[in-house]
Amino acid sequence: MDAGIMGNTARPDIAAPARTTSRHVTGWMLRSGAAADIEAVAELRATVMRADLERLGRYDEHRVRQRLRDSFSTQHTSIIMVGRELAGCVTVRPSEGSLPAEGMRWLEHFYLAPHWQGQGLGSAVLRTVLKGTDAQGVGVGLNVLQGSAARRLYERHGFTVEAEDPIDVFMVRPPGASR
C-alpha cells in the first residue's frame, strides 16, 4: 500500500492520495503497516467483528485476535490514520487461491474503529485502494460475514456476490467496475 502520503517511503502498488478527503472526514492518510501495529489491529478486529460474529455464533475471544496475528502482513497492510489516531487498517494481497481468481488481489482486514464508521472514511479508503488495483488492471475479491452492514459498502463500489455459505459471502470486483 501507499506509505508516501505524509513523507514515508511510497509503495508503488496502490495509488497515493495527497491528503485525501472523504465526504466528512478530512486529513486521513495511509501508512505502511509495521510489526508494532499487530496488537492494536488485533484489538480493532475483535471490537469491529464482535457483534457480527456473536450473531453468527462464531465469536471466540482468543481466535478473533489470533486469526489477525497469524495473517498480518506488513508488506500488504496499510494503517489508516486520521491525524495521529489509528482509525483502521486495510490489507490488499495477491490472490493465492481459487477465490478470487489467480492474478487478482484479495482485500482483507479492512476495519475502521466504530467512531469512524458511517462518515465516508471507509468509502474514501476503498476508492483509493480500488484506484490502485484498477491502474494495475486487476480485479479484487473479498469475503464479508453474512448479514454484515459492510456488504452494502462493497456493493456500492462494484463488488458482486461470487459465492456464499452460511457464514461468509464471497464477492469480486473486476477492474474498473463501479455502480
Protein backbone atom coordinates (compact mmCIF):
# COMPACT_ATOMS: atom_id res chain seq x y z
CA MET A 1 0.00 0.00 0.00
CA ASP A 2 0.93 3.57 -0.09
CA ALA A 3 3.07 4.98 2.63
CA GLY A 4 4.20 8.11 0.86
CA ILE A 5 1.30 10.35 1.67
CA MET A 6 2.95 12.17 4.55
CA GLY A 7 6.61 11.63 3.80
CA ASN A 8 7.07 7.91 4.39
CA THR A 9 8.51 5.59 1.78
CA ALA A 10 5.96 5.06 -1.02
CA ARG A 11 4.76 1.68 -2.19
CA PRO A 12 4.01 1.50 -5.92
CA ASP A 13 1.09 -0.97 -5.67
CA ILE A 14 -1.60 1.50 -4.53
CA ALA A 15 -2.30 4.95 -5.92
CA ALA A 16 -1.42 7.61 -3.37
CA PRO A 17 -3.95 10.26 -2.44
CA ALA A 18 -2.37 13.56 -1.50
CA ARG A 19 -4.06 14.37 1.82
CA THR A 20 -7.22 12.61 0.70
CA THR A 21 -10.56 13.78 1.93
CA SER A 22 -13.86 11.98 2.09
CA ARG A 23 -17.38 13.27 2.30
CA HIS A 24 -16.98 14.08 6.00
CA VAL A 25 -13.50 13.09 7.19
CA THR A 26 -10.53 15.16 6.10
CA GLY A 27 -6.83 14.72 6.59
CA TRP A 28 -6.71 10.94 6.63
CA MET A 29 -3.74 9.03 5.27
CA LEU A 30 -2.45 5.53 4.72
CA ARG A 31 0.88 4.47 6.12
CA SER A 32 2.65 1.15 5.83
CA GLY A 33 1.81 -1.39 8.46
CA ALA A 34 4.55 -2.30 10.91
CA ALA A 35 5.08 -5.24 13.24
CA ALA A 36 4.37 -2.87 16.14
CA ASP A 37 0.79 -2.44 14.81
CA ILE A 38 -0.22 -6.09 15.19
CA GLU A 39 -1.73 -5.93 18.68
CA ALA A 40 -3.61 -2.66 18.08
CA VAL A 41 -5.04 -4.04 14.84
CA ALA A 42 -5.93 -7.36 16.52
CA GLU A 43 -7.88 -5.42 19.17
CA LEU A 44 -9.57 -3.34 16.48
CA ARG A 45 -10.61 -6.52 14.66
CA ALA A 46 -12.06 -8.00 17.82
CA THR A 47 -14.06 -4.84 18.51
CA VAL A 48 -15.34 -4.37 14.97
CA MET A 49 -16.25 -8.00 14.29
CA ARG A 50 -17.68 -8.93 17.67
CA ALA A 51 -21.38 -8.17 17.02
CA ASP A 52 -21.47 -9.99 13.67
CA LEU A 53 -19.51 -12.97 14.97
CA GLU A 54 -21.74 -13.21 18.06
CA ARG A 55 -24.85 -13.01 15.86
CA LEU A 56 -23.47 -15.92 13.81
CA GLY A 57 -22.48 -17.88 16.95
CA ARG A 58 -18.80 -17.69 15.97
CA TYR A 59 -17.23 -15.24 18.43
CA ASP A 60 -14.21 -16.56 20.29
CA GLU A 61 -12.25 -14.06 22.39
CA HIS A 62 -8.87 -15.59 21.52
CA ARG A 63 -9.48 -16.78 17.96
CA VAL A 64 -10.73 -13.40 16.68
CA ARG A 65 -7.38 -11.86 17.59
CA GLN A 66 -5.18 -14.82 16.68
CA ARG A 67 -6.51 -15.04 13.12
CA LEU A 68 -5.28 -11.48 12.57
CA ARG A 69 -1.92 -12.18 14.20
CA ASP A 70 -1.45 -15.28 12.04
CA SER A 71 -2.11 -13.45 8.76
CA PHE A 72 -0.85 -9.91 9.40
CA SER A 73 1.46 -8.76 6.61
CA THR A 74 3.47 -5.57 6.90
CA GLN A 75 4.16 -5.89 3.16
CA HIS A 76 0.47 -5.68 2.18
CA THR A 77 -1.18 -3.82 5.07
CA SER A 78 -1.80 -0.11 5.36
CA ILE A 79 -2.79 1.64 8.55
CA ILE A 80 -5.49 4.29 8.21
CA MET A 81 -4.59 7.36 10.21
CA VAL A 82 -6.75 10.39 10.97
CA GLY A 83 -4.41 12.92 12.48
CA ARG A 84 -2.30 10.91 14.92
CA GLU A 85 -5.03 8.35 15.58
CA LEU A 86 -5.06 4.82 14.21
CA ALA A 87 -8.54 4.85 12.64
CA GLY A 88 -8.33 1.49 10.89
CA CYS A 89 -6.44 -0.76 8.53
CA VAL A 90 -6.72 -2.46 5.16
CA THR A 91 -4.76 -5.29 3.55
CA VAL A 92 -4.55 -5.95 -0.19
CA ARG A 93 -2.52 -9.00 -1.11
CA PRO A 94 -2.05 -11.10 -4.24
CA SER A 95 -4.57 -13.92 -4.56
CA GLU A 96 -3.20 -17.38 -3.86
CA GLY A 97 -6.33 -19.47 -4.21
CA SER A 98 -9.31 -20.14 -6.40
CA LEU A 99 -11.42 -17.28 -4.97
CA PRO A 100 -10.68 -14.76 -6.26
CA ALA A 101 -9.03 -15.98 -9.44
CA GLU A 102 -5.26 -16.08 -9.76
CA GLY A 103 -3.83 -12.68 -10.66
CA MET A 104 -6.44 -10.80 -8.67
CA ARG A 105 -5.96 -9.09 -5.32
CA TRP A 106 -7.55 -10.16 -2.06
CA LEU A 107 -8.91 -7.37 0.14
CA GLU A 108 -8.95 -8.34 3.80
CA HIS A 109 -8.60 -6.91 7.28
CA PHE A 110 -10.48 -3.76 6.31
CA TYR A 111 -11.55 -2.40 9.69
CA LEU A 112 -12.50 1.06 10.88
CA ALA A 113 -12.82 2.00 14.53
CA PRO A 114 -16.55 2.26 15.35
CA HIS A 115 -16.46 6.03 15.87
CA TRP A 116 -15.07 6.48 12.32
CA GLN A 117 -17.73 4.34 10.65
CA GLY A 118 -20.57 5.98 8.73
CA GLN A 119 -18.65 9.19 7.96
CA GLY A 120 -17.39 8.39 4.47
CA LEU A 121 -13.92 7.30 5.54
CA GLY A 122 -14.44 3.67 4.50
CA SER A 123 -15.63 4.75 1.05
CA ALA A 124 -12.68 7.11 0.66
CA VAL A 125 -10.17 4.41 1.61
CA LEU A 126 -11.86 1.83 -0.61
CA ARG A 127 -11.86 4.26 -3.58
CA THR A 128 -8.12 4.79 -3.08
CA VAL A 129 -7.42 1.05 -2.90
CA LEU A 130 -9.56 0.34 -5.97
CA LYS A 131 -7.94 3.16 -7.93
CA GLY A 132 -4.65 1.35 -7.41
CA THR A 133 -5.94 -2.08 -8.44
CA ASP A 134 -7.75 -0.56 -11.44
CA ALA A 135 -4.49 1.08 -12.54
CA GLN A 136 -2.85 -2.35 -12.38
CA GLY A 137 -5.72 -3.86 -14.37
CA VAL A 138 -6.51 -6.43 -11.68
CA GLY A 139 -9.76 -7.40 -10.02
CA VAL A 140 -10.34 -7.67 -6.29
CA GLY A 141 -12.00 -10.34 -4.19
CA LEU A 142 -13.07 -10.35 -0.56
CA ASN A 143 -15.31 -12.09 1.90
CA VAL A 144 -17.73 -10.46 4.28
CA LEU A 145 -19.76 -12.08 7.04
CA GLN A 146 -23.38 -12.92 6.29
CA GLY A 147 -25.60 -10.04 7.42
CA SER A 148 -22.73 -7.57 7.81
CA ALA A 149 -23.52 -3.93 7.02
CA ALA A 150 -20.13 -3.77 5.24
CA ARG A 151 -21.62 -5.71 2.33
CA ARG A 152 -23.55 -2.59 1.26
CA LEU A 153 -20.28 -0.61 1.13
CA TYR A 154 -18.71 -3.20 -1.16
CA GLU A 155 -21.77 -3.37 -3.41
CA ARG A 156 -21.71 0.43 -3.80
CA HIS A 157 -18.16 0.09 -5.09
CA GLY A 158 -18.90 -2.52 -7.75
CA PHE A 159 -18.46 -5.82 -5.89
CA THR A 160 -20.88 -8.62 -6.71
CA VAL A 161 -21.54 -11.93 -4.99
CA GLU A 162 -19.50 -14.80 -6.37
CA ALA A 163 -20.41 -17.45 -3.77
CA GLU A 164 -21.72 -17.73 -0.23
CA ASP A 165 -22.03 -20.17 2.60
CA PRO A 166 -23.81 -19.94 5.96
CA ILE A 167 -21.04 -17.72 7.39
CA ASP A 168 -19.36 -15.85 4.53
CA VAL A 169 -20.30 -14.00 1.35
CA PHE A 170 -17.51 -14.03 -1.26
CA MET A 171 -17.52 -11.01 -3.54
CA VAL A 172 -15.48 -9.95 -6.57
CA ARG A 173 -14.96 -6.75 -8.50
CA PRO A 174 -13.39 -6.66 -11.96
CA PRO A 175 -11.02 -3.80 -12.75
CA GLY A 176 -12.86 -0.55 -13.39
CA ALA A 177 -16.23 -1.78 -12.12
CA SER A 178 -18.44 0.79 -10.48
CA ARG A 179 -22.10 1.28 -9.76
